[in-house]
Amino acid sequence: MTVAFVFPGQGSQAVGMGRELANAFTPARRVFEEVDAALGESLSRTIWDGPAETLTLTENAQPALMAVSLAAMRVLETEAGLDLARDVAFVAGHSLGEYSALAAARAISITDAARLLRVRGRAMQKAVPVGKGAMAALIGLDLANVQAIAADVADAGVCAAANDNGGGQVVLSGEKLAVERAIELAKRRGAKRAMLLSVSAPFHCALMRPAAEAMAQALATVTVQPPRVPLVANVLAQPISEPGRIVHSLVEQVTGTVRWRESVLYMVRAGVKTFHEVGAGKVLTGLIKRIADAVNASPIGTPDDITRFEAKRA
């Protein structure tokens, strides 16, 4: 098998996402109904009608993006004849996308994924007082250089590489003063761009430890099965299938680096030639093309995308 399915993370959300799928396919609509029931509210109304400020809240964006990804997956399985275990070598997700990947691979239920992501979103938001943390995107420096910059500003507070997205894009996270100093240092060391991101909290750094503890408690209440295909985990950039290791990696991921570039390269070295980004937007599709320009990468998030996927398989 030379195909991997990947699932987007926060930042890919947009009001109206998934509406076409739900209107066109009953199985997709039922996924949104399942997520609404799990959360005890009509998250689907917020997804489709907004307002954008409400959808963008971390506690809403995370289960919402999972819902869209799993709606697309359900259609691929019921309408396009996809058999994940037969047709796909690996699944992977960017940050919250790991929960989508695990639900797609039947390691956790959609209901559990929705509830876990609601807990995760709230815990990540509450972990750091508003204004204390920050995140910054550095363009044009590799991971090693960014890690060196983070170490050099450590006297100003927590600062760490949060996302190694590939294509020369690394995201820093930590205490605001330290991140601001890192931006200035990055510019002096040759970064093409270095800028603060508009985010509500400093994700994937040590400041998220309270959220990691909350996720450890939440995951202890959920049954995790071996996934139908291996998950290439964010914090390891290697495939795992054993439920205990999966739980451990999900807890570590809250404070650890999302090693997306290394994850993609691992899959390419393992023989993957085609990546499908399942869900909202095409952020990962663009990143994958910059990491490994010889592979094929395309999004699957609309009825037209489903049609194209079916045509290629015919």
Protein backbone atom coordinates (compact mmCIF):
# COMPACT_ATOMS: atom_id res chain seq x y z
CA MET A 1 0.00 0.00 0.00
CA THR A 2 1.30 3.43 -0.95
CA VAL A 3 -1.46 5.65 0.48
CA ALA A 4 -1.67 7.59 3.77
CA PHE A 5 -4.65 9.48 5.16
CA VAL A 6 -3.90 12.62 7.18
CA PHE A 7 -6.23 14.78 9.25
CA PRO A 8 -6.05 18.57 9.75
CA GLY A 9 -5.58 20.49 12.98
CA GLN A 10 -6.75 23.78 14.43
CA GLY A 11 -6.62 26.68 12.03
CA SER A 12 -8.34 24.79 9.21
CA GLN A 13 -11.83 25.57 10.52
CA ALA A 14 -14.23 27.72 8.52
CA VAL A 15 -17.91 28.46 8.95
CA GLY A 16 -19.89 26.23 6.58
CA MET A 17 -17.35 23.40 6.46
CA GLY A 18 -18.91 20.00 5.97
CA ARG A 19 -22.36 21.36 5.09
CA GLU A 20 -22.18 20.12 1.49
CA LEU A 21 -21.22 16.65 2.68
CA ALA A 22 -24.11 16.54 5.16
CA ASN A 23 -26.57 17.75 2.53
CA ALA A 24 -25.38 15.27 -0.09
CA PHE A 25 -24.81 12.14 2.00
CA THR A 26 -26.92 10.71 4.82
CA PRO A 27 -23.90 8.93 6.42
CA ALA A 28 -22.12 12.29 6.73
CA ARG A 29 -25.16 13.93 8.29
CA ARG A 30 -25.34 11.13 10.84
CA VAL A 31 -21.77 11.82 11.95
CA PHE A 32 -22.68 15.41 12.78
CA GLU A 33 -25.76 14.17 14.64
CA GLU A 34 -23.56 11.75 16.59
CA VAL A 35 -21.17 14.55 17.60
CA ASP A 36 -24.07 16.79 18.61
CA ALA A 37 -25.48 14.00 20.79
CA ALA A 38 -22.09 13.33 22.38
CA LEU A 39 -21.68 16.98 23.37
CA GLY A 40 -25.31 17.60 24.29
CA GLU A 41 -25.55 20.61 21.98
CA SER A 42 -25.92 21.49 18.32
CA LEU A 43 -22.28 22.02 17.44
CA SER A 44 -23.27 21.39 13.81
CA ARG A 45 -25.32 24.61 13.85
CA THR A 46 -22.23 26.53 14.93
CA ILE A 47 -20.12 24.75 12.29
CA TRP A 48 -22.50 25.64 9.47
CA ASP A 49 -23.91 29.00 10.57
CA GLY A 50 -21.27 30.47 12.89
CA PRO A 51 -20.54 32.98 14.15
CA ALA A 52 -16.88 32.50 13.30
CA GLU A 53 -15.79 33.76 16.74
CA THR A 54 -17.72 30.93 18.40
CA LEU A 55 -16.48 28.26 16.00
CA THR A 56 -12.87 29.43 16.47
CA LEU A 57 -12.99 28.91 20.24
CA THR A 58 -10.60 26.05 20.94
CA GLU A 59 -13.26 23.98 22.72
CA ASN A 60 -15.47 24.17 19.61
CA ALA A 61 -12.91 24.14 16.80
CA GLN A 62 -11.33 20.87 17.92
CA PRO A 63 -14.45 18.63 17.95
CA ALA A 64 -15.80 20.51 14.92
CA LEU A 65 -12.79 19.70 12.77
CA MET A 66 -12.95 16.07 13.89
CA ALA A 67 -16.64 15.94 12.90
CA VAL A 68 -15.91 17.15 9.37
CA SER A 69 -13.04 14.69 8.95
CA LEU A 70 -15.11 11.75 10.15
CA ALA A 71 -18.08 12.78 8.02
CA ALA A 72 -15.81 12.63 4.97
CA MET A 73 -14.39 9.29 6.13
CA ARG A 74 -17.86 7.81 6.57
CA VAL A 75 -18.78 8.82 3.02
CA LEU A 76 -15.56 7.35 1.64
CA GLU A 77 -16.40 4.07 3.34
CA THR A 78 -20.11 3.88 2.53
CA GLU A 79 -20.20 5.51 -0.91
CA ALA A 80 -16.70 5.08 -2.35
CA GLY A 81 -16.01 1.55 -1.10
CA LEU A 82 -12.95 2.52 0.96
CA ASP A 83 -11.60 -0.15 3.30
CA LEU A 84 -9.04 1.58 5.47
CA ALA A 85 -7.24 -1.61 6.51
CA ARG A 86 -7.00 -2.76 2.90
CA ASP A 87 -6.34 0.54 1.12
CA VAL A 88 -4.27 2.70 3.49
CA ALA A 89 -0.82 2.15 4.98
CA PHE A 90 -0.83 4.83 7.70
CA VAL A 91 -2.98 7.48 9.32
CA ALA A 92 -1.64 10.65 10.92
CA GLY A 93 -3.08 13.90 12.20
CA HIS A 94 -1.75 17.34 13.01
CA SER A 95 -2.26 17.93 16.75
CA LEU A 96 -6.02 17.46 17.35
CA GLY A 97 -6.04 15.64 13.99
CA GLU A 98 -4.57 12.63 15.79
CA TYR A 99 -7.95 12.11 17.43
CA SER A 100 -9.61 12.24 14.00
CA ALA A 101 -7.07 9.74 12.70
CA LEU A 102 -7.71 7.38 15.62
CA ALA A 103 -11.47 7.62 15.19
CA ALA A 104 -11.10 6.97 11.46
CA ALA A 105 -9.01 3.89 12.26
CA ARG A 106 -11.64 2.71 14.80
CA ALA A 107 -9.25 2.98 17.76
CA ILE A 108 -11.72 5.29 19.50
CA SER A 109 -15.38 5.99 18.83
CA ILE A 110 -16.60 9.24 17.31
CA THR A 111 -18.51 9.90 20.53
CA ASP A 112 -15.38 9.49 22.64
CA ALA A 113 -13.32 11.58 20.22
CA ALA A 114 -15.82 14.44 20.44
CA ARG A 115 -15.89 14.37 24.24
CA LEU A 116 -12.12 14.08 24.54
CA LEU A 117 -11.58 17.01 22.21
CA ARG A 118 -14.04 19.14 24.15
CA VAL A 119 -12.06 18.38 27.33
CA ARG A 120 -8.79 18.98 25.49
CA GLY A 121 -9.89 22.31 24.05
CA ARG A 122 -11.12 23.63 27.37
CA ALA A 123 -8.09 22.38 29.27
CA MET A 124 -5.64 23.91 26.79
CA GLN A 125 -7.46 27.23 26.95
CA LYS A 126 -7.49 27.29 30.75
CA ALA A 127 -3.88 26.16 31.24
CA VAL A 128 -2.37 29.64 30.77
CA PRO A 129 -3.87 33.04 31.71
CA VAL A 130 -4.78 35.15 28.69
CA GLY A 131 -1.88 37.39 27.71
CA LYS A 132 0.83 35.37 29.44
CA GLY A 133 1.62 33.09 26.50
CA ALA A 134 2.29 33.53 22.80
CA MET A 135 3.14 31.62 19.65
CA ALA A 136 5.22 32.71 16.66
CA ALA A 137 5.84 31.38 13.18
CA LEU A 138 9.43 31.42 11.98
CA ILE A 139 9.94 31.03 8.24
CA GLY A 140 13.25 30.13 6.66
CA LEU A 141 14.95 28.41 9.61
CA ASP A 142 15.16 24.69 10.26
CA LEU A 143 14.21 22.94 13.48
CA ALA A 144 17.75 22.81 14.89
CA ASN A 145 18.24 26.56 14.45
CA VAL A 146 14.88 27.31 16.04
CA GLN A 147 15.63 25.03 18.98
CA ALA A 148 18.92 26.90 19.46
CA ILE A 149 17.05 30.21 19.47
CA ALA A 150 14.58 28.87 22.04
CA ALA A 151 17.46 27.79 24.27
CA ASP A 152 19.11 31.20 23.94
CA VAL A 153 16.02 33.04 25.23
CA ALA A 154 15.27 30.59 28.05
CA ASP A 155 16.24 33.16 30.68
CA ALA A 156 13.11 35.11 29.66
CA GLY A 157 10.81 32.14 30.26
CA VAL A 158 9.45 28.99 28.63
CA CYS A 159 10.06 28.86 24.87
CA ALA A 160 9.98 25.73 22.73
CA ALA A 161 9.41 24.49 19.21
CA ALA A 162 5.71 23.64 19.08
CA ASN A 163 5.30 22.57 15.45
CA ASP A 164 7.92 21.50 12.94
CA ASN A 165 5.64 21.91 9.95
CA GLY A 166 8.22 21.50 7.20
CA GLY A 167 9.08 23.68 4.27
CA GLY A 168 11.16 25.89 6.54
CA GLN A 169 8.23 26.67 8.86
CA VAL A 170 8.66 26.13 12.59
CA VAL A 171 6.29 27.47 15.23
CA LEU A 172 7.51 28.56 18.66
CA SER A 173 5.38 28.55 21.80
CA GLY A 174 5.89 29.80 25.35
CA GLU A 175 5.80 32.81 27.62
CA LYS A 176 5.15 36.01 25.73
CA LEU A 177 8.39 37.82 26.63
CA ALA A 178 10.51 34.83 25.64
CA VAL A 179 8.68 34.37 22.35
CA GLU A 180 9.02 38.07 21.50
CA ARG A 181 12.76 37.89 22.17
CA ALA A 182 12.96 34.77 20.00
CA ILE A 183 11.33 36.65 17.13
CA GLU A 184 13.97 39.37 17.26
CA LEU A 185 16.78 36.83 17.53
CA ALA A 186 15.38 34.81 14.62
CA LYS A 187 15.37 37.89 12.42
CA ARG A 188 19.02 38.52 13.24
CA ARG A 189 19.85 34.90 12.44
CA GLY A 190 18.37 34.94 8.96
CA ALA A 191 14.68 34.11 9.28
CA LYS A 192 12.76 35.25 6.20
CA ARG A 193 9.77 36.03 8.40
CA ALA A 194 9.15 35.89 12.15
CA MET A 195 5.79 36.94 13.48
CA LEU A 196 3.42 36.47 16.39
CA LEU A 197 0.39 34.31 15.67
CA SER A 198 -3.16 35.20 16.62
CA VAL A 199 -3.84 32.31 18.97
CA SER A 200 -5.64 32.05 22.28
CA ALA A 201 -2.98 30.07 24.17
CA PRO A 202 0.62 28.80 23.83
CA PHE A 203 0.01 25.24 22.66
CA HIS A 204 2.53 22.38 22.65
CA CYS A 205 4.94 23.64 25.27
CA ALA A 206 5.59 23.06 28.98
CA LEU A 207 2.99 25.68 29.93
CA MET A 208 0.35 23.17 28.80
CA ARG A 209 1.22 20.71 31.58
CA PRO A 210 -2.13 21.24 33.40
CA ALA A 211 -3.91 20.35 30.15
CA ALA A 212 -1.77 17.23 29.76
CA GLU A 213 -2.81 16.14 33.24
CA ALA A 214 -6.46 16.73 32.35
CA MET A 215 -6.08 14.62 29.22
CA ALA A 216 -4.44 11.79 31.15
CA GLN A 217 -7.49 11.69 33.40
CA ALA A 218 -9.94 11.90 30.50
CA LEU A 219 -8.19 9.23 28.45
CA ALA A 220 -8.24 6.88 31.44
CA THR A 221 -12.04 6.77 31.12
CA VAL A 222 -12.00 5.76 27.43
CA THR A 223 -11.48 2.39 25.76
CA VAL A 224 -8.76 2.56 23.10
CA GLN A 225 -8.54 -0.29 20.61
CA PRO A 226 -5.63 -1.11 18.30
CA PRO A 227 -6.17 1.02 15.18
CA ARG A 228 -7.00 -0.73 11.91
CA VAL A 229 -3.84 0.85 10.45
CA PRO A 230 -0.84 2.26 12.32
CA LEU A 231 -0.89 5.84 13.58
CA VAL A 232 2.25 7.88 12.89
CA ALA A 233 2.33 9.77 16.16
CA ASN A 234 3.16 13.49 16.40
CA VAL A 235 5.61 13.17 19.27
CA LEU A 236 7.44 10.13 17.86
CA ALA A 237 7.27 10.57 14.07
CA GLN A 238 6.94 6.78 14.01
CA PRO A 239 3.99 4.40 13.75
CA ILE A 240 2.33 2.96 16.84
CA SER A 241 -0.60 0.58 17.27
CA GLU A 242 -0.52 -0.55 20.91
CA PRO A 243 -3.32 1.19 22.89
CA GLY A 244 -1.14 2.00 25.90
CA ARG A 245 1.46 3.71 23.72
CA ILE A 246 -1.26 5.62 21.90
CA VAL A 247 -2.67 6.97 25.16
CA HIS A 248 0.80 7.93 26.37
CA SER A 249 1.58 9.72 23.10
CA LEU A 250 -1.70 11.68 23.23
CA VAL A 251 -0.82 12.93 26.71
CA GLU A 252 2.76 13.76 25.70
CA GLN A 253 1.50 15.54 22.59
CA VAL A 254 -0.17 18.30 24.63
CA THR A 255 3.22 19.64 25.77
CA GLY A 256 5.42 18.11 23.05
CA THR A 257 6.47 19.14 19.56
CA VAL A 258 4.26 18.22 16.63
CA ARG A 259 6.91 16.58 14.46
CA TRP A 260 4.96 16.88 11.24
CA ARG A 261 7.91 17.17 8.85
CA GLU A 262 9.55 14.04 10.26
CA SER A 263 6.22 12.19 10.25
CA VAL A 264 5.67 12.87 6.57
CA LEU A 265 9.24 11.90 5.72
CA TYR A 266 8.86 8.67 7.67
CA MET A 267 5.81 7.73 5.62
CA VAL A 268 7.53 8.65 2.36
CA ARG A 269 10.53 6.49 3.25
CA ALA A 270 8.12 3.67 4.09
CA GLY A 271 6.77 3.80 0.53
CA VAL A 272 3.85 6.22 0.68
CA LYS A 273 3.40 8.02 -2.62
CA THR A 274 -0.09 9.48 -2.16
CA PHE A 275 -1.45 11.51 0.74
CA HIS A 276 -5.11 12.40 1.17
CA GLU A 277 -6.02 15.15 3.65
CA VAL A 278 -9.43 14.15 4.96
CA GLY A 279 -11.58 16.96 6.30
CA ALA A 280 -11.62 20.75 6.20
CA GLY A 281 -9.25 22.80 4.08
CA LYS A 282 -5.95 21.88 2.52
CA VAL A 283 -3.29 23.15 4.93
CA LEU A 284 -1.63 19.75 5.29
CA THR A 285 -1.77 19.18 1.53
CA GLY A 286 0.35 22.30 1.05
CA LEU A 287 2.79 21.35 3.80
CA ILE A 288 3.24 17.82 2.43
CA LYS A 289 4.01 19.14 -1.05
CA ARG A 290 6.72 21.37 0.41
CA ILE A 291 8.19 18.55 2.49
CA ALA A 292 8.23 15.94 -0.29
CA ASP A 293 7.52 17.42 -3.70
CA ALA A 294 7.65 14.07 -5.50
CA VAL A 295 4.52 12.70 -3.79
CA ASN A 296 0.88 13.30 -4.64
CA ALA A 297 -1.21 15.15 -2.06
CA SER A 298 -4.85 16.19 -2.29
CA PRO A 299 -7.74 17.14 0.00
CA ILE A 300 -10.95 15.17 0.50
CA GLY A 301 -13.53 17.37 2.16
CA THR A 302 -16.33 18.06 -0.33
CA PRO A 303 -18.66 16.01 -2.54
CA ASP A 304 -16.56 16.99 -5.57
CA ASP A 305 -13.45 15.68 -3.81
CA ILE A 306 -15.26 12.38 -3.16
CA THR A 307 -16.15 12.16 -6.84
CA ARG A 308 -12.54 12.73 -7.87
CA PHE A 309 -11.36 10.10 -5.38
CA GLU A 310 -13.84 7.57 -6.79
CA ALA A 311 -12.78 8.37 -10.37
CA LYS A 312 -9.13 7.73 -9.60
CA ARG A 313 -9.96 4.36 -8.02
CA ALA A 314 -12.18 3.24 -10.91
